[in-house]
């Protein structure tokens, strides 16, 4: 897809992009304005890691301190610390209840390459946010110290138990020595000597245990990490959210991106013919003319070749006339069938305007309405439909010219359908129909046959091999690729000769606006060529255009 196609696509769906963008921005603005303001209080906490008394400061200690800071960042927002903090602040509710009531949230972020952590508390009450941010480090410090004291509790109890036992042995030994010291017997003196030796051992053990207990207390004091509130939090004055302007802009951007994505998805899934490139890719046929959407309130106003001969729309049919003449240089075009894949694509309007411009160029033209199911030529040309093609086919004694009617355009005659028969396909495929067309081609320079849609009924397929060429009318943005391919397959299957395609009902948003501006700028002239001066009702020959299509704006047959 070329850049120009992307631009045309965005231009086509500009209304959707604008509506989605504005709607998303408005919704985000009012939703943000309706939200409760949330305030954020921030405190900075310093983590001083305890170091071993036997080592100095090393780089490994710094890395360990950073890991400890990250660990404490997770422990600080744990439920035990949060519950203890709200109790210390004087609340009787649990933290979960306060979290719902005040929209509380706690986030902790370690500062890279430091031993600092940022503690952020958000709430709809600025004072509460600041108080909780300052209380959490204090509570965590006490919890952390208690947790670290538990590490030495077992060793402390063991040392104290051993001290008590040794002290008990010392007292017992001293009492025994006191009892035996009054005796003068050699045996008692020997026993006293042994007890004094044991007493000295007990005293040495006691002193050693006292030293171990003192060292344990020192180690415990040195091994306790210190949590310091470096920067206390202050009650914030301005809320951190909702950010009305940011949310509005973000919603607008997301809305625009979503609309663009939807537009591209719709275009990707759209399998309708919109441009001459699509026509050539599907059918291999040239686009002989591109006709814009005609806005008309009555069938007669769709005859732009008569009502507005100076308009770009009428010029498009003259371009079609020229292209048809060049496409049939090798084989003279005496009978041209105009059809479409499905109903409502504008084939009758195309056939009538084409017949008019051929007549304006001086050719003797007969317009035959062969749509024996939904005739419309008589309404476009404002002629009666009491007799016509069916009458000519059934009344063998009369000449076909007896049922041909003159029109308001010089050199243009019309053979309407006449009464609607019960068996259209049989009539159109009869030998009488073949003879009638052969006779009419000898009487007129060009016979334009308006046939039913190819895929709707078999009538067009039957008629196609009796004409010198077939002109397909394709409604831009409505006819699907598959429909056009099937219609052409049916026509070529019976030996007909498709000459080209008329891309009909173009709008500035249908992908073919380039052709509209081409006709408007290059072929629009004011000399009334091929049509003389415009009739009074035509004004300056300009029709209403560049609006969205209306259901009644184009031929439906």
Protein backbone atom coordinates (compact mmCIF):
# COMPACT_ATOMS: atom_id res chain seq x y z
CA UNK A 1 0.00 0.00 0.00
CA UNK A 2 1.42 3.36 -1.05
CA UNK A 3 1.63 6.44 1.12
CA UNK A 4 -1.15 8.10 -0.87
CA UNK A 5 -3.45 5.17 -0.10
CA UNK A 6 -2.67 5.46 3.60
CA UNK A 7 -3.48 9.16 3.48
CA UNK A 8 -6.74 8.50 1.63
CA UNK A 9 -7.65 5.83 4.15
CA UNK A 10 -7.04 8.17 7.09
CA UNK A 11 -9.00 10.88 5.33
CA UNK A 12 -11.87 8.48 4.76
CA UNK A 13 -12.03 7.45 8.41
CA UNK A 14 -11.17 10.87 9.82
CA UNK A 15 -14.65 11.21 11.28
CA UNK A 16 -14.23 7.97 13.23
CA UNK A 17 -10.79 8.99 14.48
CA UNK A 18 -12.06 12.40 15.61
CA UNK A 19 -15.18 11.00 17.27
CA UNK A 20 -13.25 8.29 19.11
CA UNK A 21 -10.48 10.66 20.18
CA UNK A 22 -12.83 13.34 21.47
CA UNK A 23 -15.12 10.82 23.16
CA UNK A 24 -12.24 9.08 24.92
CA UNK A 25 -10.80 12.42 26.07
CA UNK A 26 -14.17 13.65 27.39
CA UNK A 27 -14.85 10.40 29.22
CA UNK A 28 -11.37 10.37 30.76
CA UNK A 29 -11.68 14.01 31.80
CA UNK A 30 -14.95 13.58 33.66
CA UNK A 31 -13.95 10.24 35.17
CA UNK A 32 -10.70 11.75 36.43
CA UNK A 33 -12.49 14.80 37.81
CA UNK A 34 -14.90 12.53 39.67
CA UNK A 35 -12.19 10.48 41.41
CA UNK A 36 -11.16 11.10 45.03
CA UNK A 37 -7.84 13.02 45.30
CA UNK A 38 -4.98 10.86 46.55
CA UNK A 39 -2.01 12.39 48.42
CA UNK A 40 1.47 10.93 48.72
CA UNK A 41 3.87 11.37 51.64
CA UNK A 42 7.50 10.31 51.22
CA UNK A 43 10.05 9.49 53.91
CA UNK A 44 13.71 8.47 53.46
CA UNK A 45 15.09 5.67 55.64
CA UNK A 46 18.78 4.92 56.18
CA UNK A 47 19.87 1.31 56.76
CA UNK A 48 23.16 1.02 58.68
CA UNK A 49 24.31 -2.58 58.55
CA UNK A 50 26.19 -3.91 61.56
CA UNK A 51 29.76 -5.01 60.81
CA UNK A 52 31.95 -7.69 62.33
CA UNK A 53 34.29 -6.31 65.03
CA UNK A 54 37.20 -8.27 63.60
CA UNK A 55 37.03 -6.71 60.11
CA UNK A 56 37.30 -3.26 58.68
CA UNK A 57 35.10 -1.72 55.99
CA UNK A 58 35.30 -3.64 52.73
CA UNK A 59 33.59 -3.40 49.36
CA UNK A 60 31.76 -6.65 50.10
CA UNK A 61 30.20 -4.96 53.13
CA UNK A 62 28.83 -2.22 50.90
CA UNK A 63 27.25 -4.75 48.54
CA UNK A 64 25.82 -6.60 51.50
CA UNK A 65 24.38 -3.36 52.84
CA UNK A 66 22.59 -2.76 49.53
CA UNK A 67 21.10 -6.24 49.62
CA UNK A 68 20.02 -5.68 53.21
CA UNK A 69 18.36 -2.43 52.15
CA UNK A 70 16.40 -4.25 49.45
CA UNK A 71 15.43 -6.95 51.94
CA UNK A 72 14.25 -4.40 54.47
CA UNK A 73 12.28 -2.65 51.73
CA UNK A 74 10.16 -5.80 51.42
CA UNK A 75 9.90 -6.39 55.17
CA UNK A 76 8.82 -2.79 55.83
CA UNK A 77 5.56 -3.26 53.94
CA UNK A 78 4.78 -6.66 55.46
CA UNK A 79 1.50 -7.14 57.29
CA UNK A 80 3.02 -7.51 60.81
CA UNK A 81 4.76 -4.14 60.54
CA UNK A 82 1.70 -2.46 59.02
CA UNK A 83 -0.63 -3.82 61.70
CA UNK A 84 1.71 -2.75 64.51
CA UNK A 85 2.08 0.72 62.95
CA UNK A 86 -1.69 1.41 62.81
CA UNK A 87 -2.05 0.21 66.43
CA UNK A 88 0.72 2.55 67.50
CA UNK A 89 -1.07 5.39 65.68
CA UNK A 90 -4.11 4.77 67.88
CA UNK A 91 -6.43 3.00 65.43
CA UNK A 92 -8.49 0.06 66.61
CA UNK A 93 -9.24 -1.17 63.09
CA UNK A 94 -7.01 -3.50 61.16
CA UNK A 95 -4.87 -2.20 58.35
CA UNK A 96 -7.13 -3.80 55.73
CA UNK A 97 -10.08 -1.80 56.98
CA UNK A 98 -8.08 1.43 56.99
CA UNK A 99 -6.79 0.60 53.54
CA UNK A 100 -10.34 0.52 52.16
CA UNK A 101 -11.52 3.56 54.12
CA UNK A 102 -8.57 5.83 53.29
CA UNK A 103 -7.43 4.16 50.03
CA UNK A 104 -4.08 3.45 51.62
CA UNK A 105 -1.15 2.05 49.70
CA UNK A 106 2.48 1.62 50.75
CA UNK A 107 5.36 1.36 48.31
CA UNK A 108 9.05 1.17 49.15
CA UNK A 109 11.84 1.70 46.62
CA UNK A 110 15.57 1.24 47.37
CA UNK A 111 17.74 4.04 45.99
CA UNK A 112 20.33 2.53 43.67
CA UNK A 113 23.95 2.35 44.92
CA UNK A 114 22.99 3.64 48.38
CA UNK A 115 21.75 2.32 51.72
CA UNK A 116 18.69 4.56 51.47
CA UNK A 117 15.14 3.57 50.72
CA UNK A 118 12.18 5.76 49.81
CA UNK A 119 9.01 4.97 51.71
CA UNK A 120 5.90 6.30 49.97
CA UNK A 121 2.43 6.22 51.49
CA UNK A 122 -0.64 7.24 49.51
CA UNK A 123 -4.02 8.03 51.06
CA UNK A 124 -6.95 10.38 50.62
CA UNK A 125 -5.93 12.04 53.92
CA UNK A 126 -2.55 13.87 53.63
CA UNK A 127 -1.96 13.96 57.41
CA UNK A 128 -2.61 10.24 57.76
CA UNK A 129 -0.22 9.49 54.89
CA UNK A 130 2.59 11.49 56.51
CA UNK A 131 2.01 9.99 59.97
CA UNK A 132 2.06 6.43 58.67
CA UNK A 133 5.21 7.12 56.63
CA UNK A 134 6.99 8.32 59.80
CA UNK A 135 5.62 5.58 62.05
CA UNK A 136 6.54 2.61 59.88
CA UNK A 137 10.37 3.01 60.23
CA UNK A 138 10.08 3.39 64.02
CA UNK A 139 7.93 0.29 64.35
CA UNK A 140 10.14 -1.69 62.01
CA UNK A 141 13.21 -0.70 64.01
CA UNK A 142 11.72 -2.18 67.17
CA UNK A 143 10.55 -5.31 65.36
CA UNK A 144 13.95 -5.74 63.75
CA UNK A 145 15.80 -5.34 67.04
CA UNK A 146 13.54 -7.89 68.71
CA UNK A 147 14.06 -10.29 65.81
CA UNK A 148 17.84 -9.94 66.03
CA UNK A 149 17.86 -10.38 69.83
CA UNK A 150 16.20 -13.74 69.34
CA UNK A 151 19.28 -14.91 67.46
CA UNK A 152 21.42 -14.74 70.69
CA UNK A 153 18.74 -15.76 73.18
CA UNK A 154 19.62 -19.48 73.23
CA UNK A 155 23.34 -18.88 73.73
CA UNK A 156 22.62 -16.33 76.47
CA UNK A 157 20.40 -18.77 78.33
CA UNK A 158 22.98 -21.54 78.08
CA UNK A 159 25.74 -19.30 79.45
CA UNK A 160 23.54 -18.09 82.28
CA UNK A 161 22.62 -21.69 83.16
CA UNK A 162 26.28 -22.72 83.22
CA UNK A 163 27.14 -19.68 85.39
CA UNK A 164 24.45 -20.64 87.87
CA UNK A 165 25.70 -24.23 88.04
CA UNK A 166 29.36 -23.17 88.50
CA UNK A 167 28.32 -20.61 91.11
CA UNK A 168 26.44 -23.36 92.94
CA UNK A 169 29.54 -25.57 92.84
CA UNK A 170 31.71 -22.73 94.19
CA UNK A 171 29.37 -22.11 97.12
CA UNK A 172 29.21 -25.83 97.96
CA UNK A 173 32.99 -26.16 97.75
CA UNK A 174 33.53 -23.13 99.98
CA UNK A 175 31.15 -24.55 102.61
CA UNK A 176 32.94 -27.89 102.56
CA UNK A 177 36.34 -26.23 103.01
CA UNK A 178 34.97 -24.20 105.93
CA UNK A 179 33.75 -27.38 107.69
CA UNK A 180 36.97 -29.30 107.21
CA UNK A 181 39.38 -26.44 108.01
CA UNK A 182 38.85 -26.90 111.84
CA UNK A 183 39.94 -30.53 111.71
CA UNK A 184 43.64 -31.32 112.34
CA UNK A 185 43.64 -34.77 110.87
CA UNK A 186 45.94 -35.53 108.00
CA UNK A 187 43.07 -36.95 106.01
CA UNK A 188 40.94 -33.80 106.41
CA UNK A 189 43.86 -31.59 105.52
CA UNK A 190 44.36 -33.54 102.33
CA UNK A 191 40.67 -33.25 101.52
CA UNK A 192 40.78 -29.48 102.08
CA UNK A 193 43.73 -29.23 99.74
CA UNK A 194 41.79 -31.10 97.04
CA UNK A 195 38.71 -28.89 97.58
CA UNK A 196 40.78 -25.72 97.31
CA UNK A 197 42.17 -26.92 94.00
CA UNK A 198 38.62 -27.62 92.73
CA UNK A 199 37.50 -24.20 93.98
CA UNK A 200 40.21 -22.51 91.96
CA UNK A 201 39.06 -24.43 88.86
CA UNK A 202 35.44 -23.44 89.48
CA UNK A 203 36.41 -19.79 89.91
CA UNK A 204 38.42 -19.87 86.70
CA UNK A 205 35.47 -21.45 84.85
CA UNK A 206 33.13 -18.87 86.36
CA UNK A 207 35.33 -16.02 85.23
CA UNK A 208 35.56 -17.52 81.74
CA UNK A 209 31.77 -17.82 81.53
CA UNK A 210 31.39 -14.22 82.68
CA UNK A 211 33.77 -13.09 79.96
CA UNK A 212 31.84 -15.14 77.35
CA UNK A 213 28.56 -13.59 78.45
CA UNK A 214 30.04 -10.10 78.21
CA UNK A 215 31.42 -10.82 74.77
CA UNK A 216 28.03 -12.17 73.72
CA UNK A 217 26.34 -8.97 74.83
CA UNK A 218 28.92 -6.91 72.94
CA UNK A 219 28.52 -9.03 69.82
CA UNK A 220 24.74 -8.70 70.05
CA UNK A 221 24.99 -4.95 70.29
CA UNK A 222 27.39 -4.75 67.36
CA UNK A 223 25.39 -7.16 65.19
CA UNK A 224 22.15 -5.18 65.38
CA UNK A 225 21.35 -3.23 62.19
CA UNK A 226 20.38 0.37 62.74
CA UNK A 227 17.27 1.75 60.98
CA UNK A 228 17.24 5.56 60.94
CA UNK A 229 14.52 7.88 59.65
CA UNK A 230 16.77 10.12 57.58
CA UNK A 231 14.11 12.44 56.14
CA UNK A 232 10.71 12.57 57.85
CA UNK A 233 7.62 12.83 55.69
CA UNK A 234 5.60 16.05 55.56
CA UNK A 235 1.84 16.25 54.89
CA UNK A 236 1.54 16.87 51.12
CA UNK A 237 -0.40 19.88 49.86
CA UNK A 238 -1.23 18.72 46.33
CA UNK A 239 -2.63 15.35 45.27
CA UNK A 240 -0.60 13.02 43.07
CA UNK A 241 -3.69 11.65 41.35
CA UNK A 242 -5.91 11.77 39.53
CA UNK A 243 -3.80 13.57 36.91
CA UNK A 244 -6.67 15.02 34.94
CA UNK A 245 -4.70 16.56 32.09
CA UNK A 246 -2.41 13.54 31.69
CA UNK A 247 -5.30 11.08 31.75
CA UNK A 248 -7.22 13.17 29.22
CA UNK A 249 -4.29 13.36 26.80
CA UNK A 250 -3.47 9.68 27.24
CA UNK A 251 -7.09 8.69 26.60
CA UNK A 252 -7.17 10.86 23.50
CA UNK A 253 -4.01 9.22 22.15
CA UNK A 254 -5.26 5.73 22.93
CA UNK A 255 -8.64 6.55 21.39
CA UNK A 256 -7.00 7.82 18.21
CA UNK A 257 -4.77 4.75 17.97
CA UNK A 258 -7.74 2.47 18.55
CA UNK A 259 -9.75 4.23 15.85
CA UNK A 260 -6.87 4.00 13.38
CA UNK A 261 -6.50 0.31 14.18
CA UNK A 262 -10.22 -0.28 13.67
CA UNK A 263 -10.13 1.65 10.39
CA UNK A 264 -7.24 -0.44 9.08
CA UNK A 265 -8.95 -3.63 10.23
CA UNK A 266 -12.17 -2.68 8.46
CA UNK A 267 -10.26 -1.85 5.29
CA UNK A 268 -8.33 -5.09 5.54
CA UNK A 269 -11.54 -7.09 5.89
CA UNK A 270 -13.33 -5.06 3.22
CA UNK A 271 -13.44 -7.09 0.01
CA UNK A 272 -15.40 -4.62 -2.09
CA UNK A 273 -14.21 -3.04 -5.31
CA UNK A 274 -13.29 0.60 -4.74
CA UNK A 275 -10.61 1.58 -7.24
CA UNK A 276 -9.61 0.83 -10.84
CA UNK A 277 -6.70 -1.14 -9.42
CA UNK A 278 -9.20 -3.41 -7.69
CA UNK A 279 -11.13 -3.79 -10.94
CA UNK A 280 -8.04 -4.81 -12.88
CA UNK A 281 -6.86 -7.17 -10.11
CA UNK A 282 -10.19 -9.01 -10.01
CA UNK A 283 -11.30 -8.96 -13.63
CA UNK A 284 -8.33 -7.96 -15.72
CA UNK A 285 -10.61 -5.43 -17.47
CA UNK A 286 -9.92 -1.71 -17.84
CA UNK A 287 -11.99 0.89 -16.05
CA UNK A 288 -13.58 2.82 -18.91
CA UNK A 289 -15.11 5.50 -16.70
CA UNK A 290 -15.46 6.55 -13.08
CA UNK A 291 -18.76 8.16 -12.15
CA UNK A 292 -19.38 9.91 -8.85
CA UNK A 293 -22.40 9.42 -6.64
CA UNK A 294 -25.37 11.28 -8.11
CA UNK A 295 -27.60 13.01 -5.62
CA UNK A 296 -31.04 13.19 -7.14
CA UNK A 297 -34.53 13.27 -5.74
CA UNK A 298 -36.29 11.98 -8.88
CA UNK A 299 -35.34 9.45 -11.58
CA UNK A 300 -35.23 12.23 -14.19
CA UNK A 301 -32.55 14.12 -12.23
CA UNK A 302 -30.23 11.13 -12.61
CA UNK A 303 -30.05 11.86 -16.35
CA UNK A 304 -27.20 14.30 -15.90
CA UNK A 305 -26.38 14.09 -19.60
CA UNK A 306 -29.68 15.91 -20.19
CA UNK A 307 -30.23 17.95 -17.02
CA UNK A 308 -26.61 19.01 -16.41
CA UNK A 309 -24.60 18.45 -19.60
CA UNK A 310 -21.76 20.73 -18.44
CA UNK A 311 -21.22 18.95 -15.16
CA UNK A 312 -18.23 16.67 -14.45
CA UNK A 313 -20.69 13.82 -14.01
CA UNK A 314 -22.01 14.22 -17.57
CA UNK A 315 -18.43 14.51 -18.79
CA UNK A 316 -17.68 11.15 -17.21
CA UNK A 317 -20.26 9.54 -19.51
CA UNK A 318 -18.72 11.26 -22.49
CA UNK A 319 -15.35 9.82 -21.46
CA UNK A 320 -17.07 6.43 -21.31
CA UNK A 321 -18.42 6.97 -24.82
CA UNK A 322 -14.95 7.78 -26.14
CA UNK A 323 -13.34 4.79 -24.44
CA UNK A 324 -16.00 2.46 -25.84
CA UNK A 325 -15.38 3.79 -29.33
CA UNK A 326 -11.65 3.14 -29.01
CA UNK A 327 -12.22 -0.32 -27.51
CA UNK A 328 -14.23 -1.41 -30.57
CA UNK A 329 -11.98 -0.22 -33.40
CA UNK A 330 -11.40 -3.75 -34.71
CA UNK A 331 -15.02 -4.85 -34.38
CA UNK A 332 -17.77 -2.26 -34.83
CA UNK A 333 -19.94 -1.87 -31.77
CA UNK A 334 -23.56 -2.02 -32.90
CA UNK A 335 -25.20 -3.67 -29.87
CA UNK A 336 -23.94 -2.96 -26.34
CA UNK A 337 -25.35 -4.71 -23.30
CA UNK A 338 -25.07 -2.88 -19.98
CA UNK A 339 -25.34 -5.03 -16.88
CA UNK A 340 -24.01 -5.46 -13.35
CA UNK A 341 -23.24 -8.27 -10.93
CA UNK A 342 -26.10 -7.46 -8.57
CA UNK A 343 -29.05 -5.09 -8.27
CA UNK A 344 -28.74 -1.49 -7.19
CA UNK A 345 -25.40 -0.76 -8.83
CA UNK A 346 -26.69 1.87 -11.27
CA UNK A 347 -26.70 -0.02 -14.58
CA UNK A 348 -29.97 1.54 -15.85
CA UNK A 349 -28.76 5.05 -15.08
CA UNK A 350 -25.46 4.29 -16.79
CA UNK A 351 -27.17 2.80 -19.86
CA UNK A 352 -29.53 5.77 -20.23
CA UNK A 353 -26.86 8.47 -19.80
CA UNK A 354 -24.57 6.57 -22.16
CA UNK A 355 -27.31 6.41 -24.78
CA UNK A 356 -27.91 10.14 -24.39
CA UNK A 357 -24.25 11.12 -24.91
CA UNK A 358 -23.99 8.87 -27.97
CA UNK A 359 -27.12 10.58 -29.36
CA UNK A 360 -25.65 14.00 -28.55
CA UNK A 361 -22.62 13.05 -30.66
CA UNK A 362 -24.89 12.49 -33.70
CA UNK A 363 -25.35 8.72 -33.60
CA UNK A 364 -28.78 7.19 -34.06
CA UNK A 365 -29.24 5.34 -30.76
CA UNK A 366 -31.92 2.94 -29.55
CA UNK A 367 -32.15 2.25 -25.82
CA UNK A 368 -33.74 -1.15 -25.18
CA UNK A 369 -35.03 -2.02 -21.72
CA UNK A 370 -34.48 -5.78 -21.52
CA UNK A 371 -34.97 -5.96 -17.75
CA UNK A 372 -38.33 -7.73 -17.98
CA UNK A 373 -38.51 -8.12 -14.20
CA UNK A 374 -37.79 -4.62 -12.85
CA UNK A 375 -38.02 -2.12 -15.75
CA UNK A 376 -36.93 1.47 -15.14
CA UNK A 377 -36.04 3.05 -18.52
CA UNK A 378 -39.58 4.39 -19.01
CA UNK A 379 -39.36 6.23 -15.68
CA UNK A 380 -35.97 7.71 -16.50
CA UNK A 381 -37.07 8.91 -19.95
CA UNK A 382 -40.64 9.72 -18.88
CA UNK A 383 -42.27 7.66 -21.65
CA UNK A 384 -45.23 5.26 -21.39
CA UNK A 385 -44.69 1.54 -20.99
CA UNK A 386 -47.92 0.17 -22.42
CA UNK A 387 -46.16 -1.53 -25.32
CA UNK A 388 -42.55 -2.36 -25.95
CA UNK A 389 -40.12 -5.28 -26.21
CA UNK A 390 -42.50 -8.00 -25.11
CA UNK A 391 -45.17 -6.71 -27.51
CA UNK A 392 -42.68 -6.74 -30.39
CA UNK A 393 -41.64 -10.31 -29.54
CA UNK A 394 -45.18 -11.65 -29.24
CA UNK A 395 -46.87 -9.82 -32.14
CA UNK A 396 -45.14 -11.32 -35.13
CA UNK A 397 -47.03 -9.36 -37.74
CA UNK A 398 -45.85 -5.93 -36.59
CA UNK A 399 -42.49 -4.34 -37.21
CA UNK A 400 -40.25 -3.65 -34.14
CA UNK A 401 -40.15 0.03 -35.14
CA UNK A 402 -43.87 0.25 -34.44
CA UNK A 403 -43.16 -0.07 -30.71
CA UNK A 404 -40.14 2.26 -30.56
CA UNK A 405 -40.81 5.63 -28.88
CA UNK A 406 -39.12 8.96 -29.44
CA UNK A 407 -37.52 10.80 -26.50
CA UNK A 408 -36.72 14.38 -25.58
CA UNK A 409 -33.17 13.90 -26.83
CA UNK A 410 -32.66 14.14 -30.56
CA UNK A 411 -31.37 10.93 -32.22
CA UNK A 412 -32.39 8.87 -29.15
CA UNK A 413 -35.26 6.37 -29.27
CA UNK A 414 -36.42 3.94 -26.63
CA UNK A 415 -37.92 0.46 -26.66
CA UNK A 416 -39.34 -0.11 -23.20
CA UNK A 417 -40.22 -3.51 -21.81
CA UNK A 418 -43.97 -3.36 -22.35
CA UNK A 419 -46.15 -5.70 -20.27
CA UNK A 420 -44.17 -7.89 -17.84
CA UNK A 421 -44.24 -11.53 -19.06
CA UNK A 422 -44.31 -14.62 -16.84
CA UNK A 423 -41.33 -16.16 -18.68
CA UNK A 424 -38.65 -13.45 -19.23
CA UNK A 425 -35.75 -15.85 -19.74
CA UNK A 426 -37.55 -17.81 -22.48
CA UNK A 427 -38.46 -14.65 -24.36
CA UNK A 428 -34.95 -13.22 -24.21
CA UNK A 429 -33.40 -16.48 -25.33
CA UNK A 430 -35.79 -17.03 -28.21
CA UNK A 431 -34.90 -16.90 -31.89
CA UNK A 432 -37.40 -14.05 -32.25
CA UNK A 433 -35.26 -11.98 -29.80
CA UNK A 434 -32.13 -12.73 -31.84
CA UNK A 435 -33.85 -11.69 -35.06
CA UNK A 436 -35.21 -8.55 -33.42
CA UNK A 437 -31.74 -7.44 -32.26
CA UNK A 438 -30.29 -8.20 -35.66
CA UNK A 439 -32.98 -6.08 -37.33
CA UNK A 440 -32.51 -3.20 -34.87
CA UNK A 441 -28.71 -3.15 -35.35
CA UNK A 442 -29.34 -2.58 -39.07
CA UNK A 443 -31.68 0.33 -38.38
CA UNK A 444 -29.60 2.16 -35.73
CA UNK A 445 -25.98 3.10 -35.28
CA UNK A 446 -25.99 1.75 -31.73
CA UNK A 447 -28.38 -0.36 -29.72
CA UNK A 448 -27.88 -0.05 -25.94
CA UNK A 449 -29.51 -2.93 -24.05
CA UNK A 450 -30.23 -2.55 -20.35
CA UNK A 451 -30.28 -6.10 -18.96
CA UNK A 452 -30.99 -7.55 -15.51
CA UNK A 453 -28.09 -8.26 -13.10
CA UNK A 454 -25.96 -11.26 -14.02
CA UNK A 455 -26.02 -13.05 -10.67
CA UNK A 456 -29.68 -12.37 -9.92
CA UNK A 457 -31.22 -14.15 -12.93
CA UNK A 458 -30.10 -15.91 -16.10
CA UNK A 459 -31.49 -13.20 -18.43
CA UNK A 460 -28.21 -11.27 -18.76
CA UNK A 461 -26.22 -14.41 -19.53
CA UNK A 462 -28.70 -15.32 -22.27
CA UNK A 463 -28.57 -11.86 -23.84
CA UNK A 464 -24.80 -11.35 -23.56
CA UNK A 465 -23.78 -13.52 -26.53
CA UNK A 466 -26.26 -11.66 -28.76
CA UNK A 467 -24.52 -8.31 -28.16
CA UNK A 468 -21.27 -7.10 -29.68
CA UNK A 469 -19.92 -6.21 -26.26
CA UNK A 470 -20.81 -6.13 -22.57
CA UNK A 471 -20.27 -3.19 -20.23
CA UNK A 472 -20.13 -4.04 -16.52
CA UNK A 473 -21.29 -1.47 -13.99
CA UNK A 474 -19.64 -1.84 -10.58
CA UNK A 475 -20.76 0.10 -7.51
CA UNK A 476 -17.66 1.38 -5.70
CA UNK A 477 -17.54 0.18 -2.12
CA UNK A 478 -20.56 -2.13 -2.57
CA UNK A 479 -19.71 -4.78 -5.16
CA UNK A 480 -17.60 -7.55 -3.69
CA UNK A 481 -14.62 -9.07 -5.44
CA UNK A 482 -16.25 -12.48 -5.53
CA UNK A 483 -19.47 -11.14 -7.06
CA UNK A 484 -17.64 -9.37 -9.88
CA UNK A 485 -15.48 -12.43 -10.59
CA UNK A 486 -18.51 -14.75 -10.68
CA UNK A 487 -20.46 -12.40 -12.95
CA UNK A 488 -17.60 -12.18 -15.46
CA UNK A 489 -17.10 -15.92 -15.29
CA UNK A 490 -20.72 -16.48 -16.27
CA UNK A 491 -20.52 -13.99 -19.12
CA UNK A 492 -17.28 -15.33 -20.58
CA UNK A 493 -18.57 -18.85 -20.14
CA UNK A 494 -21.21 -18.28 -22.83
CA UNK A 495 -18.83 -16.57 -25.22
CA UNK A 496 -19.72 -12.94 -24.51
CA UNK A 497 -17.22 -10.10 -24.91
CA UNK A 498 -16.73 -7.89 -21.81
CA UNK A 499 -15.34 -4.54 -22.92
CA UNK A 500 -14.66 -2.93 -19.59
CA UNK A 501 -16.04 -1.66 -16.31
CA UNK A 502 -17.77 1.52 -15.19
CA UNK A 503 -16.77 2.29 -11.60
CA UNK A 504 -19.99 3.85 -10.37
CA UNK A 505 -21.13 5.72 -7.26
CA UNK A 506 -17.72 7.08 -6.36
CA UNK A 507 -17.52 9.34 -3.33
CA UNK A 508 -14.59 11.28 -1.90
CA UNK A 509 -14.34 8.55 0.75
CA UNK A 510 -14.65 5.53 -1.50
CA UNK A 511 -11.04 5.48 -2.63
CA UNK A 512 -11.74 6.92 -6.05
CA UNK A 513 -11.90 10.61 -5.22
CA UNK A 514 -8.84 11.15 -7.44
CA UNK A 515 -10.99 10.44 -10.51
CA UNK A 516 -13.68 12.82 -9.39
CA UNK A 517 -11.24 15.69 -9.08
CA UNK A 518 -9.69 14.67 -12.39
CA UNK A 519 -12.99 15.09 -14.21
CA UNK A 520 -13.79 18.24 -12.28
CA UNK A 521 -10.53 19.93 -13.20
CA UNK A 522 -9.63 18.52 -16.61
CA UNK A 523 -12.88 17.75 -18.43
CA UNK A 524 -15.23 20.31 -16.99
CA UNK A 525 -15.97 22.88 -19.69
CA UNK A 526 -18.51 25.60 -20.21
CA UNK A 527 -18.98 25.49 -23.95
CA UNK A 528 -21.79 22.98 -23.81
CA UNK A 529 -20.02 20.59 -26.16
CA UNK A 530 -22.01 17.54 -27.14
CA UNK A 531 -25.00 18.87 -25.36
CA UNK A 532 -25.47 22.46 -26.35
CA UNK A 533 -26.44 25.00 -23.78
CA UNK A 534 -27.66 23.62 -20.52
CA UNK A 535 -31.40 23.74 -20.01
CA UNK A 536 -32.75 26.30 -17.57
CA UNK A 537 -33.26 23.70 -14.89
CA UNK A 538 -29.60 22.74 -15.07
CA UNK A 539 -28.30 26.12 -13.93
CA UNK A 540 -24.51 26.18 -14.26
CA UNK A 541 -24.39 22.45 -14.71
CA UNK A 542 -23.05 21.67 -11.20
CA UNK A 543 -24.72 19.04 -9.07
CA UNK A 544 -24.58 18.65 -5.34
CA UNK A 545 -21.57 16.54 -4.41
CA UNK A 546 -19.00 15.66 -1.77
CA UNK A 547 -21.60 14.50 0.69
CA UNK A 548 -22.27 11.13 2.15
CA UNK A 549 -24.37 8.92 -0.14
CA UNK A 550 -28.12 8.91 0.11
CA UNK A 551 -30.15 5.80 -0.57
CA UNK A 552 -32.14 7.52 -3.31
CA UNK A 553 -29.12 9.12 -4.91
CA UNK A 554 -28.36 6.49 -7.52
CA UNK A 555 -30.14 4.15 -9.80
CA UNK A 556 -31.19 1.00 -8.05
CA UNK A 557 -31.51 -1.14 -11.14
